[in-house]
N, C-alpha and C. Protein backbone atom coordinates (compact mmCIF):
# COMPACT_ATOMS: atom_id res chain seq x y z
N VAL A 1 297.70 175.69 190.06
CA VAL A 1 297.42 174.29 189.82
C VAL A 1 295.94 174.09 189.55
N CYS A 2 295.12 174.77 190.29
CA CYS A 2 293.67 174.63 190.12
C CYS A 2 293.23 175.13 188.75
N ARG A 3 293.85 176.22 188.32
CA ARG A 3 293.51 176.77 187.02
C ARG A 3 293.87 175.80 185.90
N VAL A 4 295.01 175.19 185.96
CA VAL A 4 295.45 174.24 184.94
C VAL A 4 294.51 173.06 184.90
N ARG A 5 294.16 172.58 186.08
CA ARG A 5 293.25 171.45 186.16
C ARG A 5 291.88 171.80 185.56
N CYS A 6 291.34 172.96 185.87
CA CYS A 6 290.06 173.40 185.33
C CYS A 6 290.12 173.53 183.82
N VAL A 7 291.22 174.04 183.31
CA VAL A 7 291.39 174.19 181.87
C VAL A 7 291.45 172.82 181.21
N GLN A 8 292.16 171.89 181.83
CA GLN A 8 292.26 170.54 181.29
C GLN A 8 290.88 169.87 181.25
N GLU A 9 290.12 170.02 182.32
CA GLU A 9 288.78 169.44 182.38
C GLU A 9 287.87 170.07 181.32
N THR A 10 288.00 171.35 181.12
CA THR A 10 287.22 172.05 180.11
C THR A 10 287.56 171.53 178.72
N VAL A 11 288.84 171.33 178.45
CA VAL A 11 289.28 170.81 177.15
C VAL A 11 288.74 169.40 176.95
N ILE A 12 288.83 168.56 177.97
CA ILE A 12 288.33 167.18 177.88
C ILE A 12 286.82 167.18 177.64
N ASN A 13 286.10 168.04 178.37
CA ASN A 13 284.65 168.13 178.18
C ASN A 13 284.30 168.61 176.77
N ALA A 14 285.07 169.56 176.27
CA ALA A 14 284.83 170.07 174.92
C ALA A 14 285.08 168.98 173.88
N GLU A 15 286.16 168.20 174.07
CA GLU A 15 286.44 167.10 173.15
C GLU A 15 285.33 166.05 173.21
N TYR A 16 284.88 165.73 174.42
CA TYR A 16 283.81 164.76 174.60
C TYR A 16 282.53 165.25 173.93
N MET A 17 282.19 166.49 174.15
CA MET A 17 280.97 167.05 173.55
C MET A 17 281.09 167.09 172.03
N GLY A 18 282.29 167.41 171.54
CA GLY A 18 282.51 167.42 170.10
C GLY A 18 282.33 166.04 169.50
N SER A 19 282.86 165.02 170.18
CA SER A 19 282.70 163.66 169.67
C SER A 19 281.23 163.22 169.73
N LEU A 20 280.52 163.64 170.75
CA LEU A 20 279.08 163.34 170.83
C LEU A 20 278.32 163.98 169.67
N LYS A 21 278.68 165.22 169.37
CA LYS A 21 278.04 165.90 168.24
C LYS A 21 278.32 165.18 166.93
N MET A 22 279.56 164.71 166.76
CA MET A 22 279.91 163.98 165.54
C MET A 22 279.12 162.68 165.43
N ILE A 23 278.97 161.99 166.55
CA ILE A 23 278.21 160.74 166.55
C ILE A 23 276.75 161.01 166.20
N ARG A 24 276.20 162.05 166.80
CA ARG A 24 274.80 162.40 166.51
C ARG A 24 274.62 162.77 165.04
N GLU A 25 275.56 163.53 164.50
CA GLU A 25 275.47 163.91 163.09
C GLU A 25 275.58 162.70 162.18
N GLU A 26 276.46 161.75 162.53
CA GLU A 26 276.58 160.53 161.74
C GLU A 26 275.28 159.73 161.76
N LYS A 27 274.66 159.66 162.93
CA LYS A 27 273.38 158.95 163.03
C LYS A 27 272.31 159.65 162.20
N LYS A 28 272.28 160.97 162.24
CA LYS A 28 271.31 161.72 161.45
C LYS A 28 271.51 161.48 159.96
N VAL A 29 272.76 161.45 159.53
CA VAL A 29 273.05 161.20 158.12
C VAL A 29 272.61 159.80 157.73
N ALA A 30 272.87 158.82 158.61
CA ALA A 30 272.47 157.44 158.32
C ALA A 30 270.95 157.32 158.24
N VAL A 31 270.26 157.94 159.18
CA VAL A 31 268.79 157.90 159.17
C VAL A 31 268.24 158.62 157.95
N ALA A 32 268.83 159.74 157.60
CA ALA A 32 268.38 160.48 156.41
C ALA A 32 268.60 159.66 155.15
N ALA A 33 269.74 158.98 155.08
CA ALA A 33 270.01 158.15 153.90
C ALA A 33 269.02 157.00 153.81
N GLU A 34 268.68 156.43 154.96
CA GLU A 34 267.73 155.32 154.96
C GLU A 34 266.34 155.81 154.56
N LYS A 35 265.95 156.98 155.06
CA LYS A 35 264.65 157.53 154.67
C LYS A 35 264.64 157.91 153.21
N LYS A 36 265.75 158.48 152.74
CA LYS A 36 265.84 158.87 151.35
C LYS A 36 265.75 157.64 150.45
N ASP A 37 266.35 156.56 150.90
CA ASP A 37 266.34 155.33 150.14
C ASP A 37 264.91 154.83 149.96
N GLY A 38 264.06 154.98 150.95
CA GLY A 38 262.67 154.55 150.84
C GLY A 38 262.48 153.07 151.06
N LEU A 39 263.57 152.34 151.12
CA LEU A 39 263.48 150.89 151.27
C LEU A 39 262.98 150.50 152.66
N ASN A 40 263.31 151.29 153.66
CA ASN A 40 262.84 151.02 155.01
C ASN A 40 261.31 151.10 155.06
N GLU A 41 260.75 152.11 154.42
CA GLU A 41 259.29 152.26 154.39
C GLU A 41 258.64 151.09 153.66
N ILE A 42 259.22 150.68 152.55
CA ILE A 42 258.68 149.55 151.79
C ILE A 42 258.74 148.29 152.63
N PHE A 43 259.87 148.07 153.31
CA PHE A 43 260.02 146.91 154.17
C PHE A 43 258.93 146.90 155.23
N LEU A 44 258.69 148.04 155.86
CA LEU A 44 257.68 148.12 156.91
C LEU A 44 256.26 147.96 156.36
N LYS A 45 256.01 148.44 155.15
CA LYS A 45 254.69 148.28 154.54
C LYS A 45 254.41 146.81 154.24
N TYR A 46 255.40 146.12 153.70
CA TYR A 46 255.20 144.71 153.37
C TYR A 46 255.11 143.83 154.61
N THR A 47 255.78 144.22 155.69
CA THR A 47 255.75 143.41 156.91
C THR A 47 254.70 143.89 157.91
N SER A 48 253.89 144.84 157.53
CA SER A 48 252.89 145.42 158.43
C SER A 48 253.55 145.96 159.70
N LYS A 49 254.65 146.67 159.52
CA LYS A 49 255.42 147.33 160.57
C LYS A 49 256.04 146.35 161.57
N LYS A 50 256.28 145.12 161.13
CA LYS A 50 256.97 144.14 161.97
C LYS A 50 258.45 144.13 161.60
N PRO A 51 259.34 143.69 162.50
CA PRO A 51 260.77 143.74 162.21
C PRO A 51 261.28 142.63 161.30
N ASP A 52 260.46 141.63 161.03
CA ASP A 52 260.90 140.49 160.22
C ASP A 52 259.97 140.26 159.05
N MET A 53 260.54 139.70 157.96
CA MET A 53 259.77 139.40 156.75
C MET A 53 259.86 137.90 156.47
N ASP A 54 258.73 137.31 156.08
CA ASP A 54 258.74 135.88 155.75
C ASP A 54 258.96 135.69 154.25
N GLY A 55 259.14 134.45 153.84
CA GLY A 55 259.47 134.14 152.46
C GLY A 55 258.37 134.48 151.48
N LYS A 56 257.12 134.26 151.88
CA LYS A 56 255.99 134.57 151.01
C LYS A 56 255.93 136.06 150.70
N THR A 57 256.16 136.86 151.71
CA THR A 57 256.13 138.32 151.54
C THR A 57 257.32 138.79 150.71
N PHE A 58 258.48 138.16 150.90
CA PHE A 58 259.68 138.50 150.13
C PHE A 58 259.40 138.26 148.64
N PHE A 59 258.78 137.13 148.32
CA PHE A 59 258.45 136.85 146.92
C PHE A 59 257.39 137.81 146.40
N LYS A 60 256.37 138.11 147.22
CA LYS A 60 255.29 139.02 146.80
C LYS A 60 255.85 140.39 146.43
N MET A 61 256.84 140.83 147.15
CA MET A 61 257.44 142.13 146.87
C MET A 61 258.05 142.15 145.45
N PHE A 62 258.75 141.07 145.09
CA PHE A 62 259.33 140.98 143.75
C PHE A 62 258.25 140.84 142.68
N LYS A 63 257.21 140.09 143.00
CA LYS A 63 256.11 139.90 142.04
C LYS A 63 255.37 141.21 141.79
N ASP A 64 255.10 141.97 142.86
CA ASP A 64 254.41 143.26 142.72
C ASP A 64 255.24 144.25 141.90
N ALA A 65 256.56 144.16 142.02
CA ALA A 65 257.44 145.08 141.28
C ALA A 65 257.66 144.63 139.84
N GLY A 66 257.15 143.46 139.47
CA GLY A 66 257.31 142.97 138.10
C GLY A 66 258.71 142.47 137.81
N LEU A 67 259.40 142.00 138.84
CA LEU A 67 260.77 141.54 138.67
C LEU A 67 260.89 140.04 138.47
N VAL A 68 259.79 139.31 138.64
CA VAL A 68 259.84 137.85 138.50
C VAL A 68 259.79 137.52 137.01
N GLY A 69 260.72 136.70 136.59
CA GLY A 69 260.80 136.31 135.19
C GLY A 69 262.23 136.32 134.73
N GLY A 70 262.50 135.58 133.68
CA GLY A 70 263.87 135.51 133.17
C GLY A 70 264.74 134.74 134.13
N ASN A 71 265.82 135.35 134.57
CA ASN A 71 266.75 134.69 135.48
C ASN A 71 266.26 134.65 136.92
N LEU A 72 265.22 135.41 137.24
CA LEU A 72 264.74 135.50 138.61
C LEU A 72 263.37 134.83 138.70
N SER A 73 263.35 133.56 139.10
CA SER A 73 262.10 132.82 139.22
C SER A 73 261.69 132.74 140.69
N GLN A 74 260.53 132.18 140.94
CA GLN A 74 260.07 132.02 142.31
C GLN A 74 261.02 131.12 143.09
N THR A 75 261.51 130.09 142.43
CA THR A 75 262.44 129.17 143.09
C THR A 75 263.73 129.87 143.47
N SER A 76 264.28 130.68 142.57
CA SER A 76 265.53 131.38 142.88
C SER A 76 265.34 132.39 144.00
N ILE A 77 264.19 133.04 144.05
CA ILE A 77 263.90 133.98 145.14
C ILE A 77 263.79 133.23 146.46
N ASP A 78 263.12 132.07 146.44
CA ASP A 78 263.01 131.26 147.65
C ASP A 78 264.38 130.77 148.12
N LEU A 79 265.25 130.40 147.18
CA LEU A 79 266.59 129.95 147.54
C LEU A 79 267.41 131.08 148.15
N VAL A 80 267.29 132.27 147.60
CA VAL A 80 267.99 133.44 148.17
C VAL A 80 267.48 133.70 149.58
N PHE A 81 266.17 133.61 149.75
CA PHE A 81 265.58 133.83 151.08
C PHE A 81 266.12 132.81 152.07
N ALA A 82 266.13 131.53 151.66
CA ALA A 82 266.61 130.47 152.56
C ALA A 82 268.09 130.66 152.91
N LYS A 83 268.87 131.10 151.95
CA LYS A 83 270.31 131.29 152.18
C LYS A 83 270.57 132.48 153.11
N GLU A 84 269.87 133.57 152.89
CA GLU A 84 270.14 134.79 153.65
C GLU A 84 269.45 134.83 155.01
N SER A 85 268.31 134.17 155.15
CA SER A 85 267.55 134.32 156.38
C SER A 85 268.03 133.41 157.50
N LYS A 86 268.49 132.22 157.18
CA LYS A 86 268.93 131.24 158.19
C LYS A 86 267.79 130.83 159.13
N ALA A 87 266.58 131.25 158.85
CA ALA A 87 265.40 130.90 159.65
C ALA A 87 264.18 131.12 158.77
N LYS A 88 263.02 131.14 159.38
CA LYS A 88 261.80 131.33 158.59
C LYS A 88 261.50 132.79 158.31
N LYS A 89 262.26 133.68 158.96
CA LYS A 89 262.05 135.12 158.75
C LYS A 89 263.40 135.80 158.61
N MET A 90 263.40 136.94 157.91
CA MET A 90 264.64 137.70 157.75
C MET A 90 264.46 139.11 158.29
N ASN A 91 265.52 139.63 158.92
CA ASN A 91 265.48 141.01 159.42
C ASN A 91 265.92 141.97 158.32
N LYS A 92 266.06 143.23 158.67
CA LYS A 92 266.37 144.26 157.67
C LYS A 92 267.75 144.06 157.03
N ALA A 93 268.75 143.70 157.83
CA ALA A 93 270.10 143.50 157.28
C ALA A 93 270.13 142.31 156.32
N GLN A 94 269.46 141.23 156.71
CA GLN A 94 269.38 140.06 155.83
C GLN A 94 268.58 140.38 154.57
N PHE A 95 267.58 141.23 154.72
CA PHE A 95 266.76 141.66 153.59
C PHE A 95 267.62 142.39 152.56
N LEU A 96 268.48 143.28 153.02
CA LEU A 96 269.35 144.03 152.11
C LEU A 96 270.34 143.10 151.39
N LYS A 97 270.87 142.10 152.12
CA LYS A 97 271.75 141.12 151.49
C LYS A 97 270.98 140.29 150.45
N GLY A 98 269.74 139.96 150.78
CA GLY A 98 268.91 139.23 149.84
C GLY A 98 268.63 140.02 148.58
N LEU A 99 268.43 141.32 148.71
CA LEU A 99 268.22 142.18 147.54
C LEU A 99 269.46 142.19 146.65
N GLU A 100 270.63 142.25 147.27
CA GLU A 100 271.88 142.22 146.50
C GLU A 100 272.01 140.92 145.72
N ALA A 101 271.70 139.81 146.38
CA ALA A 101 271.80 138.50 145.72
C ALA A 101 270.79 138.39 144.57
N CYS A 102 269.59 138.89 144.77
CA CYS A 102 268.57 138.85 143.72
C CYS A 102 268.94 139.76 142.54
N ALA A 103 269.54 140.90 142.84
CA ALA A 103 269.98 141.80 141.77
C ALA A 103 271.05 141.12 140.93
N THR A 104 271.94 140.40 141.58
CA THR A 104 272.99 139.67 140.86
C THR A 104 272.37 138.60 139.96
N LYS A 105 271.39 137.85 140.51
CA LYS A 105 270.72 136.81 139.72
C LYS A 105 269.95 137.41 138.54
N LYS A 106 269.32 138.55 138.77
CA LYS A 106 268.54 139.19 137.72
C LYS A 106 269.44 139.83 136.66
N GLY A 107 270.67 140.18 137.06
CA GLY A 107 271.60 140.80 136.12
C GLY A 107 271.44 142.30 136.03
N ILE A 108 270.93 142.91 137.09
CA ILE A 108 270.79 144.38 137.13
C ILE A 108 271.52 144.89 138.36
N SER A 109 271.70 146.20 138.43
CA SER A 109 272.39 146.77 139.58
C SER A 109 271.45 146.79 140.79
N VAL A 110 272.04 146.85 141.96
CA VAL A 110 271.26 146.87 143.20
C VAL A 110 270.40 148.13 143.26
N ASP A 111 270.93 149.25 142.78
CA ASP A 111 270.17 150.50 142.78
C ASP A 111 268.94 150.41 141.88
N ASP A 112 269.09 149.78 140.71
CA ASP A 112 267.94 149.60 139.82
C ASP A 112 266.88 148.73 140.48
N LEU A 113 267.32 147.66 141.14
CA LEU A 113 266.39 146.78 141.84
C LEU A 113 265.65 147.53 142.94
N LYS A 114 266.40 148.29 143.73
CA LYS A 114 265.78 149.08 144.81
C LYS A 114 264.79 150.09 144.25
N ASN A 115 265.15 150.75 143.16
CA ASN A 115 264.25 151.74 142.56
C ASN A 115 262.96 151.10 142.07
N LYS A 116 263.06 149.91 141.47
CA LYS A 116 261.85 149.24 141.00
C LYS A 116 260.96 148.83 142.15
N ILE A 117 261.56 148.34 143.23
CA ILE A 117 260.78 147.93 144.40
C ILE A 117 260.16 149.16 145.07
N CYS A 118 260.91 150.24 145.16
CA CYS A 118 260.38 151.47 145.80
C CYS A 118 259.30 152.13 144.95
N SER A 119 259.37 151.95 143.62
CA SER A 119 258.37 152.58 142.75
C SER A 119 256.99 151.96 142.92
N VAL A 120 256.93 150.75 143.42
CA VAL A 120 255.64 150.10 143.66
C VAL A 120 254.90 150.81 144.78
N GLY A 121 255.61 151.19 145.84
CA GLY A 121 255.01 151.94 146.93
C GLY A 121 254.41 151.09 148.03
N GLY A 122 254.42 149.80 147.89
CA GLY A 122 253.86 148.93 148.91
C GLY A 122 253.14 147.76 148.28
N PRO A 123 252.58 146.91 149.10
CA PRO A 123 251.92 145.72 148.56
C PRO A 123 250.68 146.05 147.75
N LYS A 124 250.47 145.26 146.69
CA LYS A 124 249.27 145.39 145.86
C LYS A 124 248.34 144.25 146.24
N TYR A 125 247.13 144.61 146.61
CA TYR A 125 246.15 143.60 146.98
C TYR A 125 245.17 143.44 145.84
N LYS A 126 245.06 142.22 145.36
CA LYS A 126 244.16 141.93 144.25
C LYS A 126 243.13 140.91 144.72
N GLY A 127 241.91 141.11 144.35
CA GLY A 127 240.86 140.16 144.70
C GLY A 127 239.93 139.96 143.53
N THR A 128 239.10 138.96 143.64
CA THR A 128 238.14 138.68 142.58
C THR A 128 236.92 139.55 142.77
N LYS A 129 236.50 140.21 141.72
CA LYS A 129 235.30 141.03 141.78
C LYS A 129 234.19 140.28 141.05
N THR A 130 233.05 140.17 141.70
CA THR A 130 231.95 139.41 141.10
C THR A 130 231.33 140.20 139.96
N GLU A 131 230.82 139.45 139.01
CA GLU A 131 230.10 140.07 137.90
C GLU A 131 228.65 140.27 138.30
N ASN A 132 227.94 141.12 137.56
CA ASN A 132 226.53 141.31 137.81
C ASN A 132 225.75 140.08 137.34
N VAL A 133 224.78 139.67 138.15
CA VAL A 133 223.92 138.55 137.81
C VAL A 133 222.52 139.13 137.60
N LYS A 134 222.02 139.02 136.38
CA LYS A 134 220.77 139.67 136.01
C LYS A 134 219.61 139.28 136.92
N TRP A 135 219.45 138.00 137.19
CA TRP A 135 218.29 137.54 137.95
C TRP A 135 218.41 137.80 139.44
N PHE A 136 219.60 138.11 139.93
CA PHE A 136 219.78 138.36 141.36
C PHE A 136 219.86 139.84 141.68
N ASP A 137 220.59 140.60 140.90
CA ASP A 137 220.83 142.01 141.21
C ASP A 137 219.69 142.93 140.79
N ASP A 138 218.98 142.58 139.73
CA ASP A 138 217.92 143.43 139.21
C ASP A 138 216.59 142.99 139.81
N LYS A 139 216.04 143.79 140.73
CA LYS A 139 214.81 143.41 141.43
C LYS A 139 213.58 143.43 140.52
N SER A 140 213.67 144.08 139.37
CA SER A 140 212.53 144.09 138.44
C SER A 140 212.36 142.73 137.77
N THR A 141 213.36 141.86 137.84
CA THR A 141 213.25 140.52 137.24
C THR A 141 212.77 139.47 138.24
N TYR A 142 212.49 139.86 139.49
CA TYR A 142 212.01 138.90 140.48
C TYR A 142 210.62 138.40 140.09
N THR A 143 210.34 137.16 140.43
CA THR A 143 209.03 136.58 140.11
C THR A 143 208.40 136.00 141.37
N GLY A 144 207.12 135.69 141.29
CA GLY A 144 206.40 135.04 142.38
C GLY A 144 206.32 135.89 143.63
N VAL A 145 206.43 135.22 144.78
CA VAL A 145 206.30 135.88 146.08
C VAL A 145 207.39 136.94 146.26
N HIS A 146 208.55 136.69 145.71
CA HIS A 146 209.67 137.61 145.88
C HIS A 146 209.46 138.93 145.14
N ALA A 147 208.61 138.93 144.12
CA ALA A 147 208.31 140.16 143.40
C ALA A 147 207.53 141.13 144.27
N ASN A 148 206.81 140.60 145.26
CA ASN A 148 206.02 141.44 146.17
C ASN A 148 206.67 141.60 147.54
N GLY A 149 207.94 141.40 147.62
CA GLY A 149 208.63 141.63 148.89
C GLY A 149 209.07 140.37 149.59
N GLY A 150 208.67 139.21 149.13
CA GLY A 150 209.12 137.95 149.72
C GLY A 150 208.22 137.48 150.84
N PRO A 151 208.44 136.25 151.31
CA PRO A 151 207.60 135.70 152.37
C PRO A 151 207.94 136.33 153.72
N SER A 152 206.99 136.28 154.61
CA SER A 152 207.21 136.78 155.95
C SER A 152 207.88 135.69 156.78
N THR A 153 208.81 136.06 157.61
CA THR A 153 209.49 135.08 158.45
C THR A 153 208.81 134.90 159.79
N VAL A 154 207.90 135.80 160.14
CA VAL A 154 207.18 135.70 161.41
C VAL A 154 205.69 135.77 161.12
N ASP A 155 205.01 134.65 161.32
CA ASP A 155 203.55 134.60 161.14
C ASP A 155 202.92 134.30 162.49
N ASN A 156 202.31 135.32 163.11
CA ASN A 156 201.74 135.15 164.44
C ASN A 156 200.44 134.35 164.43
N ASP A 157 199.71 134.36 163.34
CA ASP A 157 198.44 133.67 163.29
C ASP A 157 198.59 132.22 162.87
N LYS A 158 199.75 131.75 162.56
CA LYS A 158 199.99 130.39 162.12
C LYS A 158 200.63 129.58 163.24
N ILE A 159 200.62 128.27 163.10
CA ILE A 159 201.25 127.37 164.07
C ILE A 159 202.75 127.41 163.84
N THR A 160 203.52 127.69 164.89
CA THR A 160 204.97 127.80 164.77
C THR A 160 205.70 126.74 165.56
N SER A 161 205.01 126.04 166.50
CA SER A 161 205.66 124.98 167.25
C SER A 161 204.65 123.90 167.59
N ILE A 162 205.13 122.73 168.03
CA ILE A 162 204.25 121.61 168.34
C ILE A 162 203.39 121.88 169.57
N SER A 163 203.82 122.78 170.44
CA SER A 163 203.05 123.08 171.65
C SER A 163 201.71 123.73 171.33
N GLN A 164 201.58 124.29 170.15
CA GLN A 164 200.31 124.90 169.75
C GLN A 164 199.34 123.87 169.19
N THR A 165 199.79 122.69 168.85
CA THR A 165 198.91 121.70 168.22
C THR A 165 198.29 120.73 169.20
N CYS A 166 198.93 120.46 170.34
CA CYS A 166 198.34 119.50 171.28
C CYS A 166 198.59 119.94 172.71
N ASP A 167 197.69 119.52 173.56
CA ASP A 167 197.79 119.84 174.98
C ASP A 167 198.53 118.70 175.68
N ARG A 168 199.71 118.93 176.19
CA ARG A 168 200.51 117.88 176.81
C ARG A 168 200.69 118.13 178.31
N THR A 169 199.79 118.88 178.93
CA THR A 169 199.91 119.18 180.37
C THR A 169 199.79 117.93 181.23
N SER A 170 198.97 116.96 180.82
CA SER A 170 198.82 115.73 181.61
C SER A 170 200.08 114.88 181.57
N ALA A 171 200.88 114.99 180.56
CA ALA A 171 202.12 114.22 180.45
C ALA A 171 203.24 114.85 181.25
N ASP A 172 203.06 116.08 181.69
CA ASP A 172 204.11 116.77 182.44
C ASP A 172 203.97 116.39 183.91
N VAL A 173 204.88 115.61 184.45
CA VAL A 173 204.79 115.12 185.84
C VAL A 173 205.51 116.03 186.83
N ARG A 174 206.06 117.04 186.40
CA ARG A 174 206.79 117.93 187.32
C ARG A 174 205.88 118.63 188.22
């Protein structure tokens, strides 16, 4: 009886361990597919590694990928965001549903949309770069006092406060 019981327990343990291995393998496959997709990385880059994305960032992602235009306008992207997010921010699952809706509006496949977004590699930051100003940047064009290094900000031999001009000790009653 003891032997049968031990064998049964061994079989149950083996089945349990086998099912655990299958679950682990399924998780590994899912994680590998998500990493292969690259969309998770893009999502994290645009959200600065936060779990939620706001509407402005959702639109910026489409704008950076060059997908705005034609059937996909800023208004339609905002409407998709409002429909899928149900709040001011959307999580990863809502983000994927939003991508599907935008792909439908754009008239392209979801895979093409994902590939275009992934090809960007992350947010593009653009800023205004100043032009050169001849009279400011080129020190050889300086005139007057500034041509010789500019005025001094500390003059020890000059009067710098009213206390140096008059004696007010008699007015101090302290």
